[in-house]
Protein backbone atom coordinates (compact mmCIF):
# COMPACT_ATOMS: atom_id res chain seq x y z
CA MET A 1 -74.64 -23.89 5.01
CA LYS A 2 -74.76 -26.82 7.39
CA PRO A 3 -71.54 -28.12 9.00
CA ALA A 4 -71.93 -31.51 7.31
CA LYS A 5 -72.05 -29.94 3.86
CA VAL A 6 -69.04 -27.74 4.62
CA SER A 7 -66.95 -30.74 5.69
CA ALA A 8 -68.00 -32.68 2.60
CA LEU A 9 -67.11 -29.78 0.33
CA ARG A 10 -63.68 -29.47 1.97
CA SER A 11 -63.09 -33.18 1.56
CA GLU A 12 -64.00 -32.99 -2.13
CA ARG A 13 -61.64 -30.03 -2.69
CA GLY A 14 -58.83 -31.83 -0.89
CA LEU A 15 -59.39 -34.94 -3.02
CA ARG A 16 -59.28 -32.93 -6.26
CA PHE A 17 -56.06 -31.19 -5.12
CA ALA A 18 -54.45 -34.52 -4.24
CA VAL A 19 -55.43 -36.03 -7.58
CA ARG A 20 -54.05 -32.99 -9.46
CA ILE A 21 -50.71 -33.24 -7.68
CA ALA A 22 -50.46 -36.99 -8.16
CA GLU A 23 -51.15 -36.85 -11.91
CA PRO A 24 -47.99 -37.08 -14.02
CA GLN A 25 -47.23 -33.85 -15.90
CA VAL A 26 -46.29 -34.13 -19.55
CA VAL A 27 -43.81 -31.48 -20.64
CA GLY A 28 -44.98 -29.50 -23.62
CA LEU A 29 -48.63 -30.72 -23.43
CA THR A 30 -51.09 -28.04 -24.47
CA PRO A 31 -54.31 -27.98 -22.42
CA GLN A 32 -57.41 -28.50 -24.58
CA THR A 33 -60.18 -27.50 -22.20
CA THR A 34 -60.70 -25.01 -19.43
CA HIS A 35 -60.72 -27.75 -16.81
CA GLU A 36 -57.48 -29.23 -18.16
CA ARG A 37 -55.90 -25.74 -18.24
CA LYS A 38 -56.71 -25.30 -14.55
CA THR A 39 -55.30 -28.69 -13.60
CA ASP A 40 -52.07 -28.07 -15.53
CA THR A 41 -50.89 -25.26 -13.28
CA MET A 42 -47.64 -26.91 -12.22
CA SER A 43 -46.41 -27.60 -15.75
CA THR A 44 -47.30 -24.06 -16.84
CA TYR A 45 -45.33 -22.68 -13.90
CA LEU A 46 -42.30 -24.77 -14.81
CA LEU A 47 -42.34 -23.78 -18.46
CA ARG A 48 -42.83 -20.02 -18.31
CA ASN A 49 -39.95 -17.68 -19.29
CA VAL A 50 -37.89 -20.57 -20.57
CA SER A 51 -36.36 -18.39 -23.28
CA LYS A 52 -34.88 -16.06 -20.66
CA VAL A 53 -32.73 -18.74 -19.08
CA GLN A 54 -29.11 -17.87 -19.87
CA PRO A 55 -26.51 -20.59 -20.43
CA GLN A 56 -23.66 -20.77 -17.97
CA ARG A 57 -20.39 -19.16 -19.01
CA GLN A 58 -17.29 -21.22 -19.37
CA PRO A 59 -14.89 -20.67 -16.46
CA GLN A 60 -11.95 -18.42 -17.28
CA PRO A 61 -8.42 -19.63 -16.58
CA VAL A 62 -7.16 -18.34 -13.23
CA THR A 63 -3.64 -17.01 -13.02
CA THR A 64 -1.49 -17.16 -9.92
CA ALA A 65 -1.49 -14.50 -7.23
CA SER A 66 2.08 -13.51 -8.08
CA GLN A 67 0.93 -12.50 -11.56
CA VAL A 68 -2.29 -10.66 -10.73
CA LEU A 69 -2.79 -8.60 -7.61
CA GLY A 70 -6.09 -9.16 -5.92
CA GLN A 71 -6.76 -12.79 -6.82
CA LEU A 72 -7.30 -15.58 -4.35
CA VAL A 73 -4.25 -17.55 -3.32
CA ALA A 74 -4.74 -21.11 -4.52
CA GLN A 75 -4.20 -23.81 -1.92
CA PRO A 76 -0.91 -25.57 -2.72
CA ARG A 77 -1.02 -29.28 -3.30
CA GLY A 78 0.53 -31.71 -0.89
CA PRO A 79 0.77 -31.58 2.89
CA ALA A 80 1.65 -28.24 4.46
CA LEU A 81 1.41 -26.43 7.78
CA PHE A 82 -0.33 -23.06 7.45
CA VAL A 83 0.73 -20.50 10.06
CA GLY A 84 -1.42 -17.44 10.72
CA LEU A 85 0.34 -14.46 12.32
CA ASP A 86 -1.47 -11.52 13.90
CA VAL A 87 1.45 -9.11 13.98
CA HIS A 88 1.80 -6.31 16.52
CA THR A 89 4.72 -4.25 17.73
CA ASP A 90 5.42 -6.14 20.97
CA SER A 91 3.74 -9.49 20.36
CA ILE A 92 2.56 -11.83 17.61
CA ALA A 93 -0.34 -14.27 17.99
CA VAL A 94 0.33 -17.57 16.20
CA SER A 95 -2.15 -20.21 15.03
CA LEU A 96 -1.48 -23.44 13.12
CA ALA A 97 -3.71 -25.12 10.52
CA PRO A 98 -2.45 -28.52 9.26
CA SER A 99 -3.59 -29.41 5.76
CA GLU A 100 -4.46 -32.99 6.78
CA SER A 101 -7.18 -32.00 9.27
CA ALA A 102 -9.89 -29.39 9.70
CA GLU A 103 -8.75 -28.18 13.10
CA VAL A 104 -6.88 -24.99 13.96
CA ARG A 105 -4.48 -25.05 16.89
CA ARG A 106 -3.45 -22.00 18.83
CA TYR A 107 0.30 -21.92 19.35
CA GLY A 108 0.26 -18.85 21.62
CA LEU A 109 2.00 -15.49 21.77
CA ILE A 110 5.62 -14.78 20.84
CA GLY A 111 7.70 -11.63 20.76
CA GLY A 112 7.30 -9.07 18.01
CA SER A 113 10.88 -9.12 16.71
CA HIS A 114 12.02 -10.94 13.58
CA ASP A 115 14.34 -13.17 15.59
CA GLU A 116 11.38 -14.46 17.56
CA VAL A 117 9.58 -15.35 14.32
CA LEU A 118 12.68 -17.12 13.00
CA ARG A 119 12.99 -19.06 16.24
CA LEU A 120 9.33 -20.07 15.87
CA ALA A 121 9.87 -21.19 12.27
CA LYS A 122 12.87 -23.35 13.20
CA LYS A 123 10.96 -24.94 16.09
CA LEU A 124 7.97 -25.76 13.87
CA GLN A 125 10.21 -27.11 11.13
CA ALA A 126 11.98 -29.35 13.63
CA ALA A 127 8.62 -30.71 14.79
CA HIS A 128 7.44 -31.22 11.19
CA PRO A 129 10.62 -31.98 9.20
CA GLN A 130 8.94 -33.20 6.02
CA ILE A 131 6.16 -30.59 5.84
CA PRO A 132 6.68 -27.09 4.34
CA LEU A 133 5.65 -24.07 6.40
CA ARG A 134 3.48 -21.34 4.87
CA PHE A 135 3.15 -18.07 6.79
CA CYS A 136 0.65 -15.25 6.30
CA TYR A 137 -0.19 -11.99 8.04
CA GLU A 138 -2.31 -8.94 7.34
CA ALA A 139 -0.87 -5.82 5.75
CA GLY A 140 -0.43 -2.99 8.20
CA PRO A 141 2.05 -0.47 9.60
CA HIS A 142 4.79 -3.11 9.89
CA GLY A 143 5.06 -3.31 6.10
CA TYR A 144 7.03 -5.86 4.11
CA PRO A 145 10.25 -6.50 6.14
CA LEU A 146 8.89 -9.57 7.95
CA CYS A 147 7.78 -11.16 4.67
CA ARG A 148 11.17 -10.50 3.08
CA PHE A 149 12.94 -11.76 6.21
CA LEU A 150 11.12 -15.10 6.07
CA GLY A 151 11.72 -15.34 2.33
CA VAL A 152 15.48 -14.87 2.77
CA HIS A 153 15.53 -17.80 5.22
CA GLY A 154 13.65 -20.06 2.80
CA TYR A 155 10.10 -19.87 4.15
CA ASP A 156 7.00 -19.11 2.10
CA CYS A 157 5.11 -16.04 3.35
CA ILE A 158 2.33 -13.86 1.93
CA ILE A 159 0.82 -10.58 3.04
CA VAL A 160 -2.97 -10.45 3.02
CA ALA A 161 -5.17 -7.51 2.08
CA PRO A 162 -7.26 -6.78 5.21
CA SER A 163 -10.15 -5.38 3.18
CA LYS A 164 -10.58 -8.72 1.39
CA VAL A 165 -10.41 -11.09 4.34
CA PRO A 166 -13.82 -12.82 4.57
CA ARG A 167 -15.57 -11.97 7.85
CA ARG A 168 -18.94 -13.06 9.20
CA PRO A 169 -21.34 -10.14 9.78
CA GLY A 170 -22.55 -11.58 13.07
CA ASP A 171 -19.07 -12.00 14.55
CA ARG A 172 -18.76 -9.19 17.11
CA ILE A 173 -15.74 -10.52 19.00
CA LYS A 174 -12.34 -9.62 17.59
CA THR A 175 -9.15 -10.60 19.40
CA ASN A 176 -5.56 -11.24 18.35
CA ARG A 177 -5.89 -15.00 18.78
CA ARG A 178 -9.14 -15.13 16.80
CA ASP A 179 -7.56 -13.12 13.99
CA ALA A 180 -4.64 -15.55 13.83
CA ASP A 181 -7.07 -18.50 13.79
CA GLN A 182 -9.03 -16.93 10.96
CA LEU A 183 -5.91 -16.26 8.89
CA ALA A 184 -4.63 -19.82 9.25
CA ARG A 185 -8.04 -21.32 8.45
CA LEU A 186 -8.66 -19.16 5.37
CA TYR A 187 -5.11 -19.61 4.09
CA ARG A 188 -5.58 -23.37 4.22
CA ALA A 189 -8.88 -23.03 2.35
CA GLY A 190 -7.32 -20.81 -0.33
CA GLU A 191 -9.64 -17.87 0.35
CA LEU A 192 -7.06 -15.17 1.08
CA THR A 193 -6.01 -12.38 -1.26
CA ALA A 194 -2.27 -11.71 -1.35
CA ILE A 195 -0.84 -8.29 -2.09
CA TYR A 196 2.14 -7.52 -4.29
CA VAL A 197 5.45 -7.24 -2.42
CA PRO A 198 7.71 -4.72 -4.20
CA ASP A 199 11.47 -4.77 -4.45
CA PRO A 200 13.22 -2.82 -1.62
CA GLN A 201 14.56 -0.22 -4.05
CA ASP A 202 11.13 0.15 -5.66
CA GLU A 203 9.65 0.65 -2.21
CA ALA A 204 12.25 3.35 -1.50
CA VAL A 205 11.26 5.26 -4.66
CA ARG A 206 7.61 4.87 -3.75
CA ASP A 207 8.29 6.27 -0.27
CA LEU A 208 9.96 9.29 -1.88
CA ILE A 209 6.99 9.99 -4.16
CA ARG A 210 4.42 9.43 -1.40
CA ALA A 211 6.33 11.79 0.90
CA ARG A 212 6.20 14.40 -1.85
CA TYR A 213 2.41 14.06 -2.05
CA GLN A 214 2.17 14.40 1.73
CA VAL A 215 4.11 17.68 1.64
CA GLN A 216 1.89 18.90 -1.19
CA HIS A 217 -1.18 18.08 0.90
CA GLN A 218 0.26 19.98 3.87
CA GLN A 219 0.93 22.99 1.67
CA HIS A 220 -2.62 22.91 0.27
CA ARG A 221 -4.14 22.65 3.74
CA ALA A 222 -1.99 25.49 5.11
CA ARG A 223 -3.05 27.73 2.23
CA GLN A 224 -6.70 26.97 2.88
CA GLN A 225 -6.32 27.78 6.59
CA LEU A 226 -4.71 31.13 5.78
CA LYS A 227 -7.47 32.05 3.33
CA MET A 228 -10.17 31.19 5.86
CA PHE A 229 -8.35 33.24 8.52
CA LEU A 230 -8.26 36.32 6.26
CA LEU A 231 -11.86 35.82 5.15
CA ARG A 232 -12.99 35.71 8.76
CA HIS A 233 -11.49 39.18 9.21
CA ASN A 234 -13.01 40.49 5.93
CA LEU A 235 -9.67 40.73 4.13
CA ARG A 236 -10.09 39.95 0.43
CA TYR A 237 -7.49 39.78 -2.30
CA ALA A 238 -8.47 41.77 -5.40
CA GLY A 239 -6.35 39.78 -7.82
CA THR A 240 -7.46 36.84 -9.91
CA THR A 241 -4.71 34.30 -9.21
CA SER A 242 -3.51 33.27 -5.77
CA TRP A 243 0.01 32.43 -4.59
CA THR A 244 1.73 34.43 -7.31
CA PRO A 245 4.49 36.93 -6.40
CA LYS A 246 1.87 39.69 -6.47
CA HIS A 247 -0.35 37.76 -4.07
CA LEU A 248 2.58 37.09 -1.72
CA ARG A 249 3.42 40.81 -1.67
CA TYR A 250 -0.18 41.52 -0.73
CA LEU A 251 -0.01 39.06 2.16
CA ALA A 252 3.18 40.69 3.40
CA SER A 253 1.41 44.08 3.48
CA VAL A 254 -1.56 42.88 5.55
CA LYS A 255 -1.72 44.51 9.02
CA LEU A 256 -4.14 43.28 11.65
CA PRO A 257 -5.38 45.39 14.58
CA PHE A 258 -4.00 43.15 17.36
CA PRO A 259 -0.46 41.77 17.74
CA GLU A 260 -1.81 38.28 18.53
CA GLN A 261 -3.56 38.14 15.18
CA GLN A 262 -0.46 39.43 13.41
CA PHE A 263 1.58 36.67 15.04
CA VAL A 264 -0.90 34.03 13.83
CA LEU A 265 -0.76 35.43 10.29
CA GLN A 266 3.02 35.35 10.22
CA GLU A 267 3.17 31.78 11.53
CA MET A 268 0.73 30.65 8.85
CA LEU A 269 2.87 32.31 6.19
CA ASN A 270 5.97 30.60 7.59
CA VAL A 271 4.28 27.19 7.37
CA ILE A 272 3.36 27.81 3.73
CA THR A 273 6.87 29.02 2.91
CA GLU A 274 8.46 26.00 4.55
CA ALA A 275 6.13 23.55 2.76
CA THR A 276 6.88 25.25 -0.57
CA GLU A 277 10.62 24.92 -0.01
CA ARG A 278 10.31 21.26 0.97
CA LEU A 279 8.21 20.61 -2.13
CA ALA A 280 10.93 22.17 -4.29
CA HIS A 281 13.51 19.85 -2.69
CA TYR A 282 11.41 16.81 -3.58
CA ASP A 283 10.89 18.04 -7.14
CA ALA A 284 14.65 18.40 -7.54
CA GLN A 285 15.38 14.96 -6.05
CA ILE A 286 12.95 12.90 -8.15
CA PRO A 287 14.74 13.43 -11.53
CA ARG A 288 18.08 12.44 -9.97
CA VAL A 289 16.56 9.26 -8.58
CA MET A 290 14.96 8.30 -11.90
CA VAL A 291 18.34 8.18 -13.65
CA ARG A 292 19.62 5.26 -11.54
CA TRP A 293 16.30 3.47 -11.08
CA ARG A 294 15.82 0.17 -12.94
CA TRP A 295 12.33 1.20 -14.11
CA GLU A 296 13.61 4.32 -15.89
CA PRO A 297 12.83 2.94 -19.42
CA VAL A 298 9.22 2.30 -18.42
CA VAL A 299 8.90 5.80 -16.94
CA LYS A 300 10.24 7.36 -20.14
CA ALA A 301 7.87 5.25 -22.24
CA LEU A 302 4.84 6.37 -20.18
CA MET A 303 5.96 9.99 -20.55
CA SER A 304 5.08 9.68 -24.23
CA LEU A 305 1.43 9.89 -23.24
CA ARG A 306 -0.23 13.26 -23.02
CA GLY A 307 -0.64 14.43 -19.43
CA LEU A 308 1.94 12.02 -18.03
CA ALA A 309 5.05 14.07 -17.33
CA LEU A 310 7.84 12.87 -15.07
CA LEU A 311 5.95 13.08 -11.77
CA ASN A 312 2.77 11.29 -12.89
CA ALA A 313 4.68 8.65 -14.88
CA ALA A 314 7.02 7.93 -11.96
CA THR A 315 4.02 7.76 -9.61
CA LEU A 316 2.30 5.15 -11.76
CA VAL A 317 5.39 2.96 -12.07
CA ALA A 318 6.24 3.23 -8.37
CA GLU A 319 2.69 2.39 -7.28
CA LEU A 320 1.88 -0.30 -9.85
CA GLY A 321 5.24 -2.04 -10.12
CA ASP A 322 5.65 -4.61 -12.86
CA LEU A 323 2.69 -4.33 -15.21
CA HIS A 324 3.23 -7.87 -16.46
CA ARG A 325 1.52 -9.15 -13.32
CA PHE A 326 -1.78 -7.90 -14.76
CA ALA A 327 -2.89 -10.41 -17.36
CA THR A 328 -5.35 -8.00 -19.00
CA ALA A 329 -6.05 -4.29 -18.98
CA ARG A 330 -9.38 -4.92 -17.25
CA GLN A 331 -7.55 -6.33 -14.25
CA LEU A 332 -5.49 -3.14 -14.00
CA MET A 333 -8.66 -1.04 -14.22
CA GLY A 334 -10.24 -3.07 -11.44
CA TYR A 335 -7.13 -2.76 -9.28
CA LEU A 336 -7.20 1.03 -9.70
CA GLY A 337 -10.88 1.19 -8.72
CA LEU A 338 -11.89 2.81 -12.02
CA VAL A 339 -14.57 0.27 -12.96
CA PRO A 340 -18.23 1.12 -12.23
CA SER A 341 -19.89 -0.34 -9.17
CA GLU A 342 -22.85 -2.63 -9.74
CA ASP A 343 -25.90 -3.71 -7.74
CA SER A 344 -27.79 -6.17 -9.93
CA THR A 345 -30.35 -8.80 -9.10
CA GLY A 346 -32.19 -11.06 -11.52
CA GLU A 347 -32.78 -9.24 -14.79
CA ASP A 348 -32.37 -5.80 -13.19
CA ARG A 349 -28.89 -4.34 -13.64
CA GLN A 350 -27.92 -1.15 -11.81
CA GLN A 351 -24.48 0.46 -12.24
CA GLY A 352 -23.18 3.33 -10.14
CA GLY A 353 -20.01 5.34 -9.70
CA ILE A 354 -16.51 3.92 -9.76
CA THR A 355 -15.60 1.55 -6.95
CA LYS A 356 -12.55 3.59 -5.78
CA MET A 357 -10.93 0.38 -4.55
CA GLY A 358 -7.22 -0.31 -4.73
CA ASN A 359 -4.46 2.25 -5.17
CA GLY A 360 -5.84 5.77 -4.77
CA ILE A 361 -2.57 7.58 -5.56
CA ALA A 362 -2.23 5.95 -8.98
CA ARG A 363 -5.95 6.51 -9.67
CA ARG A 364 -5.58 10.21 -8.90
CA ALA A 365 -2.56 10.53 -11.19
CA LEU A 366 -4.47 8.91 -14.07
CA ILE A 367 -7.54 11.10 -13.66
CA GLU A 368 -5.37 14.23 -13.48
CA ALA A 369 -3.70 13.18 -16.73
CA ALA A 370 -7.07 12.43 -18.33
CA TRP A 371 -8.15 16.08 -18.05
CA ASN A 372 -5.60 16.95 -20.76
CA TYR A 373 -7.56 14.96 -23.32
CA ARG A 374 -10.38 17.50 -23.37
CA GLN A 375 -8.37 19.40 -25.98
CA PRO A 376 -8.08 18.18 -29.58
CA ALA A 377 -5.33 15.71 -30.42
CA ARG A 378 -2.01 17.48 -30.89
CA VAL A 379 1.67 16.65 -30.44
CA SER A 380 3.09 19.71 -28.71
CA ARG A 381 6.76 20.68 -28.62
CA GLU A 382 7.13 19.47 -25.05
CA LEU A 383 5.50 16.13 -25.85
CA LEU A 384 7.71 15.75 -28.93
CA LEU A 385 10.81 16.20 -26.78
CA ARG A 386 9.59 13.51 -24.39
CA GLN A 387 9.04 11.08 -27.29
CA GLU A 388 12.54 11.41 -28.71
CA GLY A 389 14.37 8.09 -28.89
CA LEU A 390 11.28 5.96 -28.23
CA ALA A 391 10.11 3.11 -30.41
CA LYS A 392 7.60 3.84 -33.15
CA GLU A 393 5.11 1.43 -31.61
CA ILE A 394 5.04 3.49 -28.41
CA THR A 395 4.53 6.81 -30.19
CA GLU A 396 1.75 5.29 -32.27
CA LEU A 397 0.00 4.15 -29.09
CA SER A 398 0.37 7.66 -27.69
CA TRP A 399 -1.26 9.21 -30.75
CA ARG A 400 -4.01 6.61 -30.75
CA ALA A 401 -4.71 7.45 -27.11
CA GLN A 402 -5.07 11.14 -27.96
CA THR A 403 -7.48 10.62 -30.81
CA ARG A 404 -9.60 8.04 -29.02
CA LEU A 405 -9.83 9.75 -25.63
CA HIS A 406 -10.66 13.18 -27.08
CA HIS A 407 -13.43 11.65 -29.18
CA ARG A 408 -14.62 9.78 -26.11
CA TYR A 409 -14.74 12.97 -24.06
CA LYS A 410 -16.79 14.76 -26.72
CA HIS A 411 -19.19 11.84 -26.90
CA LEU A 412 -19.66 11.59 -23.15
CA THR A 413 -20.17 15.31 -22.54
CA GLY A 414 -22.22 15.86 -25.69
CA VAL A 415 -24.38 12.88 -26.62
CA ARG A 416 -24.42 11.21 -23.20
CA HIS A 417 -24.77 14.49 -21.26
CA LYS A 418 -22.17 13.55 -18.65
CA ILE A 419 -20.59 16.19 -16.46
CA SER A 420 -16.86 16.78 -16.87
CA PRO A 421 -15.67 15.00 -13.67
CA VAL A 422 -17.57 11.85 -14.63
CA ALA A 423 -16.16 11.99 -18.15
CA ALA A 424 -12.64 12.49 -16.76
CA ALA A 425 -12.99 9.36 -14.62
CA ALA A 426 -14.10 7.40 -17.69
CA LEU A 427 -11.11 8.73 -19.64
CA GLY A 428 -8.82 7.74 -16.79
CA ARG A 429 -10.13 4.19 -17.01
CA GLU A 430 -9.37 3.99 -20.72
CA LEU A 431 -6.02 5.73 -20.25
CA SER A 432 -5.02 2.98 -17.83
CA GLY A 433 -5.45 0.53 -20.71
CA PHE A 434 -2.87 2.43 -22.79
CA VAL A 435 -0.57 2.58 -19.76
CA TRP A 436 -0.87 -1.19 -19.44
CA ALA A 437 -0.10 -1.71 -23.14
CA ILE A 438 2.96 0.58 -23.14
CA GLY A 439 4.29 -0.74 -19.83
CA ARG A 440 4.39 -4.28 -21.20
CA LEU A 441 6.37 -3.23 -24.29
CA VAL A 442 9.39 -1.91 -22.38
CA SER A 443 11.73 -3.90 -20.16
CA PRO A 444 13.52 -2.47 -17.13
CA HIS A 445 17.26 -2.24 -16.74
CA PRO A 446 18.89 -5.57 -15.80
CA PRO A 447 19.79 -5.84 -12.11
CA LYS A 448 23.29 -4.78 -11.23
CA PRO A 449 25.60 -7.59 -10.12
């Protein structure tokens, strides 16, 4: 083809394309001919899959951060001075974010003691007498004392969950001053997630229960190390159950060929014996503490559930605190990390295992309790003793939990072909709903004057 003809053909195609784009498209017009169907490409593209467009959902009412753990802290109305603190042992980086402007000013470094923070607060309040101060810092090894200290002196302070602080993926520079700037900026924008600050006595009970779990973990690890040591020297126990009196007598009769190895064996046995004794001390102390704790009625109410004896019930109350701060049971399930993860895009929805976010100790206690619901529903003698003196509404919820969760376990392992650990995690999620319902029915003891 000659170049002149090629250029003319291209010009004609360009003219037809320009005319097709410039023509007004009539929505809903059905093409009558093949030529019209070709020229109506844009309207066909706009109208396809119209039935699959989903309407937008109505926004749900948002509760405050003091009621629900893990929600964004709403930006308070009115002028305020937001103070971001990057707390360390010897120093604290301070940044200021006024609500009237978009800038963030770096105040500098101060000492790490509480008196230094109070001196800072008084100096800022003197410079801004009519503006409230709002402090925030990330949760870490320094705990809650600084937040309580500022609250006692009349200043608003929140503790931020580090895992939920928005961070840019491309930001590779992390310093104390930049962290303080980021906290002040995000607090002003209302994009921070505050954590629940427990009462000092509640924190003391939680420390006791967490220390008990640490000792239990040490005992378990020491037992594993001893078993691996004996297996490496081809020493096998013929019994069926370990750590019984018979097994301990067997360990005492073991003789190794070298004195160095015998010394190692005896030291391992001493570690296990010491951890077992410490664990017994904790188990004896927990019931005495529960008697004078203000959350004792809630602990007794949760003990009406199958699988939640004193230790697991006290663990849940100590870790979760006041269950009224969760508006719905779904929020409690999400806080415990028992909801399935999801990776969906468009019309494709993919769900995976549980998220395992939030409080792992409470999640473990719930899943351990959920294993008891594999057996048919039954009120045993021990469970009946735990339910004495409780309201009828609580015992009815306990029985409903037994019947529902056992049926759920049979359905998951039978019809759905789920393995037992997956089914136990699903039962733990539903059991947390019954825990939420019972915990909101019982009130704690009034505070002592």
